Amino acid sequence: MILEGKTFAAQLRAPLAQRAEQIKAKLGRPISLCAIGSTEDYGAYVYLKKEVQAAEKLGVKAQVHEVNKNTSVQEFLSLLKQASADPEIDAILIPRPLPEHLADSGFTRFIAPEKDIDGMSNISLGNLFLCKTWQEVKKLPTFIPCTAMAVIRLLDYHHIDPQGMETAVIGRSSTVGRPLAHLLSCRNATVKTCHTFTKDLKISLQNAQLICSAAGKAGLLNTQNTPAGSIIIDIATNLDTHGNLCGDAQMQPLLEQGCRVSPVPGGVGPVTLACLLENIILSGEKKI
């Protein structure tokens, strides 16, 4: 079974333009998004432009600031502090990767949590990791990383309850792997985290009922190391040997093995974008 996300993403996006128009009427201006993106990573920057264009179609006013290896830490932090303090800016988006010197600058401390639509600030992540139950997660005043939340919402859309499931999350980044593992724990899954230092992936996955993979390695999950009948949420985006977009999972062989698999493209990706757009709208609604 294919766990597609396009249909659900369209449902999430359907009411957003009307909500944006209602906010504009009450604020006297459109919702304002400040995006700061690195031109050093072509793929990430192109995706940022796609996100911005999608927001603009909803009536959001967006401004993109470019940074690169020549941008000083002082310039970067100054831009971020100004955006955080500006009452006319409602949402801030800073996709990774960033140039190493900017990534290591501690910039997440300076993102205003009420504008932190991808839940990457110290306060946003701190609030999330203090949660133990899903009820506590739902009451959070701050945003949750969009990709991690998209996985949970995709599971819910397909009526998959992770409670009690032996679950493996492959990847431990602060943007996807760690917040996702914590969200799954809050949904009462038993969670194991795998990463580059995991010695034998097959052994680590042998009892897994649910596998969420964000490793960024095409073909990582296959019929040799993945339990038959397991649920696979493929979060990665890679290029195969023919230059086609793919995830970590060898989808067709795994489907033939009875697995349920989210496709790449068309699975988690569209839902992540829908969650991001929804958070932009929510950042404006918090001001009315």
C-alpha atoms as a PDB file:
ATOM      1  CA  MET A   1       0.000   0.000   0.000  1.00  0.00           C
ATOM      2  CA  ILE A   2       1.253   3.468  -0.930  1.00  0.00           C
ATOM      3  CA  LEU A   3       0.858   6.085   1.822  1.00  0.00           C
ATOM      4  CA  GLU A   4       0.517   9.131  -0.436  1.00  0.00           C
ATOM      5  CA  GLY A   5       0.366  12.657   0.979  1.00  0.00           C
ATOM      6  CA  LYS A   6      -0.836  14.832  -1.898  1.00  0.00           C
ATOM      7  CA  THR A   7      -4.545  14.404  -1.191  1.00  0.00           C
ATOM      8  CA  PHE A   8      -4.161  15.245   2.486  1.00  0.00           C
ATOM      9  CA  ALA A   9      -1.885  18.209   1.732  1.00  0.00           C
ATOM     10  CA  ALA A  10      -4.508  19.648  -0.622  1.00  0.00           C
ATOM     11  CA  GLN A  11      -7.105  19.356   2.146  1.00  0.00           C
ATOM     12  CA  LEU A  12      -4.839  21.191   4.587  1.00  0.00           C
ATOM     13  CA  ARG A  13      -4.140  23.984   2.114  1.00  0.00           C
ATOM     14  CA  ALA A  14      -7.717  24.492   0.936  1.00  0.00           C
ATOM     15  CA  PRO A  15      -8.857  26.956   3.670  1.00  0.00           C
ATOM     16  CA  LEU A  16      -5.574  28.851   4.065  1.00  0.00           C
ATOM     17  CA  ALA A  17      -6.133  31.610   1.472  1.00  0.00           C
ATOM     18  CA  GLN A  18      -9.445  32.565   3.078  1.00  0.00           C
ATOM     19  CA  ARG A  19      -7.858  32.612   6.529  1.00  0.00           C
ATOM     20  CA  ALA A  20      -5.047  34.824   5.186  1.00  0.00           C
ATOM     21  CA  GLU A  21      -7.626  37.242   3.758  1.00  0.00           C
ATOM     22  CA  GLN A  22      -9.443  37.412   7.100  1.00  0.00           C
ATOM     23  CA  ILE A  23      -6.173  38.203   8.877  1.00  0.00           C
ATOM     24  CA  LYS A  24      -5.389  40.925   6.345  1.00  0.00           C
ATOM     25  CA  ALA A  25      -8.789  42.515   6.951  1.00  0.00           C
ATOM     26  CA  LYS A  26      -8.237  42.580  10.719  1.00  0.00           C
ATOM     27  CA  LEU A  27      -4.558  43.596  10.722  1.00  0.00           C
ATOM     28  CA  GLY A  28      -4.905  46.109   7.905  1.00  0.00           C
ATOM     29  CA  ARG A  29      -2.009  44.439   6.090  1.00  0.00           C
ATOM     30  CA  PRO A  30      -1.105  40.990   4.722  1.00  0.00           C
ATOM     31  CA  ILE A  31       0.807  38.452   6.789  1.00  0.00           C
ATOM     32  CA  SER A  32       4.528  39.120   6.410  1.00  0.00           C
ATOM     33  CA  LEU A  33       7.132  36.384   6.028  1.00  0.00           C
ATOM     34  CA  CYS A  34      10.894  36.903   6.328  1.00  0.00           C
ATOM     35  CA  ALA A  35      12.902  34.071   4.765  1.00  0.00           C
ATOM     36  CA  ILE A  36      16.679  33.840   5.117  1.00  0.00           C
ATOM     37  CA  GLY A  37      18.224  31.272   2.803  1.00  0.00           C
ATOM     38  CA  SER A  38      21.675  30.145   1.761  1.00  0.00           C
ATOM     39  CA  THR A  39      22.564  30.261  -1.914  1.00  0.00           C
ATOM     40  CA  GLU A  40      25.400  27.792  -1.247  1.00  0.00           C
ATOM     41  CA  ASP A  41      23.004  24.820  -1.415  1.00  0.00           C
ATOM     42  CA  TYR A  42      21.203  24.972  -4.744  1.00  0.00           C
ATOM     43  CA  GLY A  43      18.537  22.383  -3.926  1.00  0.00           C
ATOM     44  CA  ALA A  44      17.624  23.914  -0.579  1.00  0.00           C
ATOM     45  CA  TYR A  45      17.481  27.403  -2.044  1.00  0.00           C
ATOM     46  CA  VAL A  46      15.246  26.312  -4.927  1.00  0.00           C
ATOM     47  CA  TYR A  47      12.917  24.634  -2.422  1.00  0.00           C
ATOM     48  CA  LEU A  48      12.868  27.809  -0.326  1.00  0.00           C
ATOM     49  CA  LYS A  49      11.754  29.790  -3.375  1.00  0.00           C
ATOM     50  CA  LYS A  50       9.017  27.204  -3.909  1.00  0.00           C
ATOM     51  CA  GLU A  51       7.853  27.648  -0.318  1.00  0.00           C
ATOM     52  CA  VAL A  52       7.843  31.424  -0.690  1.00  0.00           C
ATOM     53  CA  GLN A  53       5.886  31.278  -3.945  1.00  0.00           C
ATOM     54  CA  ALA A  54       3.305  29.002  -2.315  1.00  0.00           C
ATOM     55  CA  ALA A  55       2.948  31.477   0.555  1.00  0.00           C
ATOM     56  CA  GLU A  56       2.574  34.401  -1.832  1.00  0.00           C
ATOM     57  CA  LYS A  57      -0.263  32.591  -3.622  1.00  0.00           C
ATOM     58  CA  LEU A  58      -2.112  32.645  -0.298  1.00  0.00           C
ATOM     59  CA  GLY A  59      -1.705  36.417  -0.084  1.00  0.00           C
ATOM     60  CA  VAL A  60       1.332  36.422   2.190  1.00  0.00           C
ATOM     61  CA  LYS A  61       3.884  39.212   1.709  1.00  0.00           C
ATOM     62  CA  ALA A  62       7.276  37.527   1.564  1.00  0.00           C
ATOM     63  CA  GLN A  63      10.820  38.813   1.500  1.00  0.00           C
ATOM     64  CA  VAL A  64      13.832  36.556   0.860  1.00  0.00           C
ATOM     65  CA  HIS A  65      17.276  37.497   2.189  1.00  0.00           C
ATOM     66  CA  GLU A  66      20.212  35.630   0.682  1.00  0.00           C
ATOM     67  CA  VAL A  67      23.244  34.571   2.701  1.00  0.00           C
ATOM     68  CA  ASN A  68      26.387  32.738   1.603  1.00  0.00           C
ATOM     69  CA  LYS A  69      29.933  31.905   2.691  1.00  0.00           C
ATOM     70  CA  ASN A  70      30.861  35.590   2.463  1.00  0.00           C
ATOM     71  CA  THR A  71      28.092  36.729   4.817  1.00  0.00           C
ATOM     72  CA  SER A  72      29.554  37.568   8.211  1.00  0.00           C
ATOM     73  CA  VAL A  73      28.064  36.211  11.417  1.00  0.00           C
ATOM     74  CA  GLN A  74      27.431  39.786  12.525  1.00  0.00           C
ATOM     75  CA  GLU A  75      25.440  40.532   9.357  1.00  0.00           C
ATOM     76  CA  PHE A  76      23.445  37.331   9.679  1.00  0.00           C
ATOM     77  CA  LEU A  77      22.579  37.799  13.347  1.00  0.00           C
ATOM     78  CA  SER A  78      21.770  41.472  12.822  1.00  0.00           C
ATOM     79  CA  LEU A  79      19.300  40.565  10.079  1.00  0.00           C
ATOM     80  CA  LEU A  80      17.713  37.902  12.262  1.00  0.00           C
ATOM     81  CA  LYS A  81      17.451  40.159  15.318  1.00  0.00           C
ATOM     82  CA  GLN A  82      15.832  42.902  13.238  1.00  0.00           C
ATOM     83  CA  ALA A  83      13.268  40.479  11.821  1.00  0.00           C
ATOM     84  CA  SER A  84      12.510  39.097  15.278  1.00  0.00           C
ATOM     85  CA  ALA A  85      11.967  42.580  16.712  1.00  0.00           C
ATOM     86  CA  ASP A  86      10.001  44.041  13.775  1.00  0.00           C
ATOM     87  CA  PRO A  87       6.258  44.098  14.645  1.00  0.00           C
ATOM     88  CA  GLU A  88       5.436  44.149  10.917  1.00  0.00           C
ATOM     89  CA  ILE A  89       7.044  40.700  10.401  1.00  0.00           C
ATOM     90  CA  ASP A  90       4.909  37.779  11.543  1.00  0.00           C
ATOM     91  CA  ALA A  91       6.879  34.710  10.457  1.00  0.00           C
ATOM     92  CA  ILE A  92      10.556  33.803  10.078  1.00  0.00           C
ATOM     93  CA  LEU A  93      11.865  30.882   8.019  1.00  0.00           C
ATOM     94  CA  ILE A  94      15.530  29.835   7.902  1.00  0.00           C
ATOM     95  CA  PRO A  95      15.969  26.563   6.010  1.00  0.00           C
ATOM     96  CA  ARG A  96      19.105  24.503   6.455  1.00  0.00           C
ATOM     97  CA  PRO A  97      21.809  23.804   5.487  1.00  0.00           C
ATOM     98  CA  LEU A  98      23.526  27.104   6.151  1.00  0.00           C
ATOM     99  CA  PRO A  99      27.208  27.903   5.593  1.00  0.00           C
ATOM    100  CA  GLU A 100      29.116  26.315   8.449  1.00  0.00           C
ATOM    101  CA  HIS A 101      30.143  29.559  10.164  1.00  0.00           C
ATOM    102  CA  LEU A 102      26.512  30.731  10.202  1.00  0.00           C
ATOM    103  CA  ALA A 103      25.151  27.351  11.297  1.00  0.00           C
ATOM    104  CA  ASP A 104      27.585  27.422  14.244  1.00  0.00           C
ATOM    105  CA  SER A 105      26.676  30.982  15.264  1.00  0.00           C
ATOM    106  CA  GLY A 106      24.007  30.013  17.785  1.00  0.00           C
ATOM    107  CA  PHE A 107      21.414  31.873  15.692  1.00  0.00           C
ATOM    108  CA  THR A 108      18.487  29.798  16.963  1.00  0.00           C
ATOM    109  CA  ARG A 109      18.691  31.721  20.249  1.00  0.00           C
ATOM    110  CA  PHE A 110      17.653  34.896  18.460  1.00  0.00           C
ATOM    111  CA  ILE A 111      14.514  33.717  16.640  1.00  0.00           C
ATOM    112  CA  ALA A 112      11.373  35.135  18.253  1.00  0.00           C
ATOM    113  CA  PRO A 113       9.432  31.970  19.215  1.00  0.00           C
ATOM    114  CA  GLU A 114       6.075  33.405  18.134  1.00  0.00           C
ATOM    115  CA  LYS A 115       7.527  33.863  14.614  1.00  0.00           C
ATOM    116  CA  ASP A 116       9.480  30.599  14.529  1.00  0.00           C
ATOM    117  CA  ILE A 117       7.217  28.761  12.073  1.00  0.00           C
ATOM    118  CA  ASP A 118       9.529  25.752  11.668  1.00  0.00           C
ATOM    119  CA  GLY A 119      10.071  25.260  15.403  1.00  0.00           C
ATOM    120  CA  MET A 120      13.863  25.528  15.315  1.00  0.00           C
ATOM    121  CA  SER A 121      14.526  28.069  18.071  1.00  0.00           C
ATOM    122  CA  ASN A 122      15.877  27.104  21.484  1.00  0.00           C
ATOM    123  CA  ILE A 123      12.560  27.997  23.091  1.00  0.00           C
ATOM    124  CA  SER A 124      10.448  26.106  20.552  1.00  0.00           C
ATOM    125  CA  LEU A 125      12.521  22.927  20.785  1.00  0.00           C
ATOM    126  CA  GLY A 126      12.867  23.291  24.544  1.00  0.00           C
ATOM    127  CA  ASN A 127       9.096  23.489  24.945  1.00  0.00           C
ATOM    128  CA  LEU A 128       8.661  20.433  22.736  1.00  0.00           C
ATOM    129  CA  PHE A 129      11.199  18.284  24.566  1.00  0.00           C
ATOM    130  CA  LEU A 130       9.614  19.125  27.910  1.00  0.00           C
ATOM    131  CA  CYS A 131       6.420  17.412  26.735  1.00  0.00           C
ATOM    132  CA  LYS A 132       5.741  13.844  27.793  1.00  0.00           C
ATOM    133  CA  THR A 133       2.240  13.279  26.410  1.00  0.00           C
ATOM    134  CA  TRP A 134       0.435  14.185  23.194  1.00  0.00           C
ATOM    135  CA  GLN A 135      -2.007  16.284  25.218  1.00  0.00           C
ATOM    136  CA  GLU A 136       0.935  18.434  26.306  1.00  0.00           C
ATOM    137  CA  VAL A 137       2.170  18.692  22.705  1.00  0.00           C
ATOM    138  CA  LYS A 138      -1.238  19.928  21.537  1.00  0.00           C
ATOM    139  CA  LYS A 139      -1.183  22.698  24.160  1.00  0.00           C
ATOM    140  CA  LEU A 140       2.225  24.061  23.135  1.00  0.00           C
ATOM    141  CA  PRO A 141       2.274  27.838  22.595  1.00  0.00           C
ATOM    142  CA  THR A 142       5.145  27.496  20.115  1.00  0.00           C
ATOM    143  CA  PHE A 143       5.537  25.783  16.742  1.00  0.00           C
ATOM    144  CA  ILE A 144       6.766  22.240  16.058  1.00  0.00           C
ATOM    145  CA  PRO A 145       9.305  21.392  13.295  1.00  0.00           C
ATOM    146  CA  CYS A 146       7.174  20.999  10.174  1.00  0.00           C
ATOM    147  CA  THR A 147       8.691  17.822   8.727  1.00  0.00           C
ATOM    148  CA  ALA A 148       8.418  15.955  12.028  1.00  0.00           C
ATOM    149  CA  MET A 149       4.825  17.091  12.462  1.00  0.00           C
ATOM    150  CA  ALA A 150       4.043  16.182   8.842  1.00  0.00           C
ATOM    151  CA  VAL A 151       5.020  12.568   9.544  1.00  0.00           C
ATOM    152  CA  ILE A 152       2.618  12.383  12.492  1.00  0.00           C
ATOM    153  CA  ARG A 153      -0.194  13.959  10.509  1.00  0.00           C
ATOM    154  CA  LEU A 154       0.407  11.654   7.545  1.00  0.00           C
ATOM    155  CA  LEU A 155       0.178   8.646   9.860  1.00  0.00           C
ATOM    156  CA  ASP A 156      -3.079   9.988  11.287  1.00  0.00           C
ATOM    157  CA  TYR A 157      -4.474  10.595   7.803  1.00  0.00           C
ATOM    158  CA  HIS A 158      -3.884   6.952   6.930  1.00  0.00           C
ATOM    159  CA  HIS A 159      -5.338   5.800  10.289  1.00  0.00           C
ATOM    160  CA  ILE A 160      -2.022   4.472  11.577  1.00  0.00           C
ATOM    161  CA  ASP A 161      -1.720   4.779  15.342  1.00  0.00           C
ATOM    162  CA  PRO A 162       1.913   4.420  16.499  1.00  0.00           C
ATOM    163  CA  GLN A 163       0.912   3.650  20.086  1.00  0.00           C
ATOM    164  CA  GLY A 164       2.737   0.552  21.274  1.00  0.00           C
ATOM    165  CA  MET A 165       4.593   0.103  17.980  1.00  0.00           C
ATOM    166  CA  GLU A 166       8.255  -0.849  17.865  1.00  0.00           C
ATOM    167  CA  THR A 167       9.525   2.166  15.941  1.00  0.00           C
ATOM    168  CA  ALA A 168      12.863   3.099  14.369  1.00  0.00           C
ATOM    169  CA  VAL A 169      13.784   6.642  13.376  1.00  0.00           C
ATOM    170  CA  ILE A 170      16.803   6.798  11.073  1.00  0.00           C
ATOM    171  CA  GLY A 171      18.505  10.178  11.510  1.00  0.00           C
ATOM    172  CA  ARG A 172      19.068  12.369  14.558  1.00  0.00           C
ATOM    173  CA  SER A 173      19.110  15.932  13.241  1.00  0.00           C
ATOM    174  CA  SER A 174      17.558  18.681  15.338  1.00  0.00           C
ATOM    175  CA  THR A 175      15.222  19.520  12.457  1.00  0.00           C
ATOM    176  CA  VAL A 176      13.772  16.052  11.756  1.00  0.00           C
ATOM    177  CA  GLY A 177      15.121  12.970  13.538  1.00  0.00           C
ATOM    178  CA  ARG A 178      15.202  14.072  17.158  1.00  0.00           C
ATOM    179  CA  PRO A 179      11.905  16.006  17.207  1.00  0.00           C
ATOM    180  CA  LEU A 180      10.183  13.189  15.303  1.00  0.00           C
ATOM    181  CA  ALA A 181      11.455  10.552  17.717  1.00  0.00           C
ATOM    182  CA  HIS A 182      10.149  12.651  20.598  1.00  0.00           C
ATOM    183  CA  LEU A 183       6.751  13.206  18.974  1.00  0.00           C
ATOM    184  CA  LEU A 184       6.412   9.463  18.397  1.00  0.00           C
ATOM    185  CA  SER A 185       7.325   8.848  22.019  1.00  0.00           C
ATOM    186  CA  CYS A 186       4.602  11.305  23.041  1.00  0.00           C
ATOM    187  CA  ARG A 187       2.242   9.195  20.909  1.00  0.00           C
ATOM    188  CA  ASN A 188       3.323   6.193  23.025  1.00  0.00           C
ATOM    189  CA  ALA A 189       5.495   4.440  20.450  1.00  0.00           C
ATOM    190  CA  THR A 190       8.625   2.602  21.606  1.00  0.00           C
ATOM    191  CA  VAL A 191      11.318   4.463  19.705  1.00  0.00           C
ATOM    192  CA  LYS A 192      14.843   3.492  18.673  1.00  0.00           C
ATOM    193  CA  THR A 193      17.084   6.052  16.969  1.00  0.00           C
ATOM    194  CA  CYS A 194      19.511   4.867  14.276  1.00  0.00           C
ATOM    195  CA  HIS A 195      22.296   6.974  12.762  1.00  0.00           C
ATOM    196  CA  THR A 196      25.637   6.851  10.969  1.00  0.00           C
ATOM    197  CA  PHE A 197      27.253   5.021  13.882  1.00  0.00           C
ATOM    198  CA  THR A 198      24.613   2.294  14.034  1.00  0.00           C
ATOM    199  CA  LYS A 199      26.706  -0.822  13.415  1.00  0.00           C
ATOM    200  CA  ASP A 200      24.140  -3.149  11.861  1.00  0.00           C
ATOM    201  CA  LEU A 201      20.974  -1.552  10.524  1.00  0.00           C
ATOM    202  CA  LYS A 202      19.344  -4.911   9.788  1.00  0.00           C
ATOM    203  CA  ILE A 203      19.639  -5.969  13.427  1.00  0.00           C
ATOM    204  CA  SER A 204      18.361  -2.590  14.614  1.00  0.00           C
ATOM    205  CA  LEU A 205      15.323  -2.839  12.350  1.00  0.00           C
ATOM    206  CA  GLN A 206      14.534  -6.523  12.798  1.00  0.00           C
ATOM    207  CA  ASN A 207      11.603  -5.916  15.186  1.00  0.00           C
ATOM    208  CA  ALA A 208      10.492  -2.572  13.778  1.00  0.00           C
ATOM    209  CA  GLN A 209       6.828  -2.200  12.867  1.00  0.00           C
ATOM    210  CA  LEU A 210       7.204   1.465  11.890  1.00  0.00           C
ATOM    211  CA  ILE A 211      10.338   2.902  10.256  1.00  0.00           C
ATOM    212  CA  CYS A 212      10.814   6.629   9.609  1.00  0.00           C
ATOM    213  CA  SER A 213      13.893   7.290   7.497  1.00  0.00           C
ATOM    214  CA  ALA A 214      15.637  10.626   6.982  1.00  0.00           C
ATOM    215  CA  ALA A 215      19.138   9.329   6.263  1.00  0.00           C
ATOM    216  CA  GLY A 216      19.518  10.791   2.786  1.00  0.00           C
ATOM    217  CA  LYS A 217      20.873   7.585   1.252  1.00  0.00           C
ATOM    218  CA  ALA A 218      19.108   6.103  -1.763  1.00  0.00           C
ATOM    219  CA  GLY A 219      18.397   2.387  -1.428  1.00  0.00           C
ATOM    220  CA  LEU A 220      19.170   2.299   2.292  1.00  0.00           C
ATOM    221  CA  LEU A 221      15.955   0.438   3.075  1.00  0.00           C
ATOM    222  CA  ASN A 222      15.500  -2.729   1.056  1.00  0.00           C
ATOM    223  CA  THR A 223      14.089  -6.228   1.316  1.00  0.00           C
ATOM    224  CA  GLN A 224      17.296  -7.471   2.921  1.00  0.00           C
ATOM    225  CA  ASN A 225      17.187  -5.238   6.001  1.00  0.00           C
ATOM    226  CA  THR A 226      13.540  -4.181   6.325  1.00  0.00           C
ATOM    227  CA  PRO A 227      10.927  -6.426   7.966  1.00  0.00           C
ATOM    228  CA  ALA A 228       8.150  -7.634   5.674  1.00  0.00           C
ATOM    229  CA  GLY A 229       4.851  -5.906   6.373  1.00  0.00           C
ATOM    230  CA  SER A 230       6.397  -2.922   8.142  1.00  0.00           C
ATOM    231  CA  ILE A 231       5.254   0.668   7.719  1.00  0.00           C
ATOM    232  CA  ILE A 232       7.870   2.933   6.117  1.00  0.00           C
ATOM    233  CA  ILE A 233       7.650   6.708   6.196  1.00  0.00           C
ATOM    234  CA  ASP A 234      10.310   7.920   3.780  1.00  0.00           C
ATOM    235  CA  ILE A 235      11.389  11.459   4.610  1.00  0.00           C
ATOM    236  CA  ALA A 236      14.594  11.699   2.572  1.00  0.00           C
ATOM    237  CA  THR A 237      15.100  13.272  -0.842  1.00  0.00           C
ATOM    238  CA  ASN A 238      17.879  11.812  -2.980  1.00  0.00           C
ATOM    239  CA  LEU A 239      18.716  11.281  -6.625  1.00  0.00           C
ATOM    240  CA  ASP A 240      18.936   7.743  -7.956  1.00  0.00           C
ATOM    241  CA  THR A 241      21.497   6.541 -10.520  1.00  0.00           C
ATOM    242  CA  HIS A 242      19.279   7.881 -13.318  1.00  0.00           C
ATOM    243  CA  GLY A 243      18.993  11.344 -11.754  1.00  0.00           C
ATOM    244  CA  ASN A 244      15.414  10.817 -10.590  1.00  0.00           C
ATOM    245  CA  LEU A 245      14.131  11.995  -7.222  1.00  0.00           C
ATOM    246  CA  CYS A 246      13.809   9.190  -4.693  1.00  0.00           C
ATOM    247  CA  GLY A 247      13.839   8.537  -0.966  1.00  0.00           C
ATOM    248  CA  ASP A 248      15.783   6.120   1.213  1.00  0.00           C
ATOM    249  CA  ALA A 249      13.511   3.154   0.484  1.00  0.00           C
ATOM    250  CA  GLN A 250      13.505   0.842  -2.517  1.00  0.00           C
ATOM    251  CA  MET A 251       9.794   1.347  -2.857  1.00  0.00           C
ATOM    252  CA  GLN A 252       8.554  -1.265  -5.323  1.00  0.00           C
ATOM    253  CA  PRO A 253      10.366  -4.292  -3.852  1.00  0.00           C
ATOM    254  CA  LEU A 254       9.201  -3.290  -0.373  1.00  0.00           C
ATOM    255  CA  LEU A 255       5.603  -2.899  -1.546  1.00  0.00           C
ATOM    256  CA  GLU A 256       5.822  -6.407  -3.011  1.00  0.00           C
ATOM    257  CA  GLN A 257       7.026  -7.572   0.410  1.00  0.00           C
ATOM    258  CA  GLY A 258       3.789  -6.308   1.970  1.00  0.00           C
ATOM    259  CA  CYS A 259       5.151  -3.048   3.367  1.00  0.00           C
ATOM    260  CA  ARG A 260       3.183   0.175   3.467  1.00  0.00           C
ATOM    261  CA  VAL A 261       5.443   2.915   2.098  1.00  0.00           C
ATOM    262  CA  SER A 262       5.157   6.702   1.663  1.00  0.00           C
ATOM    263  CA  PRO A 263       6.410   7.716  -1.791  1.00  0.00           C
ATOM    264  CA  VAL A 264       9.113  10.213  -2.725  1.00  0.00           C
ATOM    265  CA  PRO A 265       7.973  12.489  -4.183  1.00  0.00           C
ATOM    266  CA  GLY A 266       4.340  12.746  -3.131  1.00  0.00           C
ATOM    267  CA  GLY A 267       4.438  11.542   0.474  1.00  0.00           C
ATOM    268  CA  VAL A 268       5.800  13.532   3.411  1.00  0.00           C
ATOM    269  CA  GLY A 269       6.984  16.439   1.209  1.00  0.00           C
ATOM    270  CA  PRO A 270       3.590  17.933   0.255  1.00  0.00           C
ATOM    271  CA  VAL A 271       2.339  17.548   3.825  1.00  0.00           C
ATOM    272  CA  THR A 272       5.441  19.327   5.163  1.00  0.00           C
ATOM    273  CA  LEU A 273       4.804  22.263   2.840  1.00  0.00           C
ATOM    274  CA  ALA A 274       1.147  22.353   3.876  1.00  0.00           C
ATOM    275  CA  CYS A 275       2.142  22.369   7.567  1.00  0.00           C
ATOM    276  CA  LEU A 276       4.594  25.204   6.929  1.00  0.00           C
ATOM    277  CA  LEU A 277       1.963  27.279   5.126  1.00  0.00           C
ATOM    278  CA  GLU A 278      -0.512  26.570   7.913  1.00  0.00           C
ATOM    279  CA  ASN A 279       2.033  27.799  10.474  1.00  0.00           C
ATOM    280  CA  ILE A 280       2.541  31.018   8.513  1.00  0.00           C
ATOM    281  CA  ILE A 281      -1.200  31.618   8.726  1.00  0.00           C
ATOM    282  CA  LEU A 282      -1.186  30.781  12.437  1.00  0.00           C
ATOM    283  CA  SER A 283       1.622  33.299  13.033  1.00  0.00           C
ATOM    284  CA  GLY A 284      -0.697  35.994  11.668  1.00  0.00           C
ATOM    285  CA  GLU A 285      -3.746  34.733  13.562  1.00  0.00           C
ATOM    286  CA  LYS A 286      -1.826  35.040  16.832  1.00  0.00           C
ATOM    287  CA  LYS A 287      -1.832  38.825  16.323  1.00  0.00           C
ATOM    288  CA  ILE A 288      -5.593  39.245  15.958  1.00  0.00           C
END
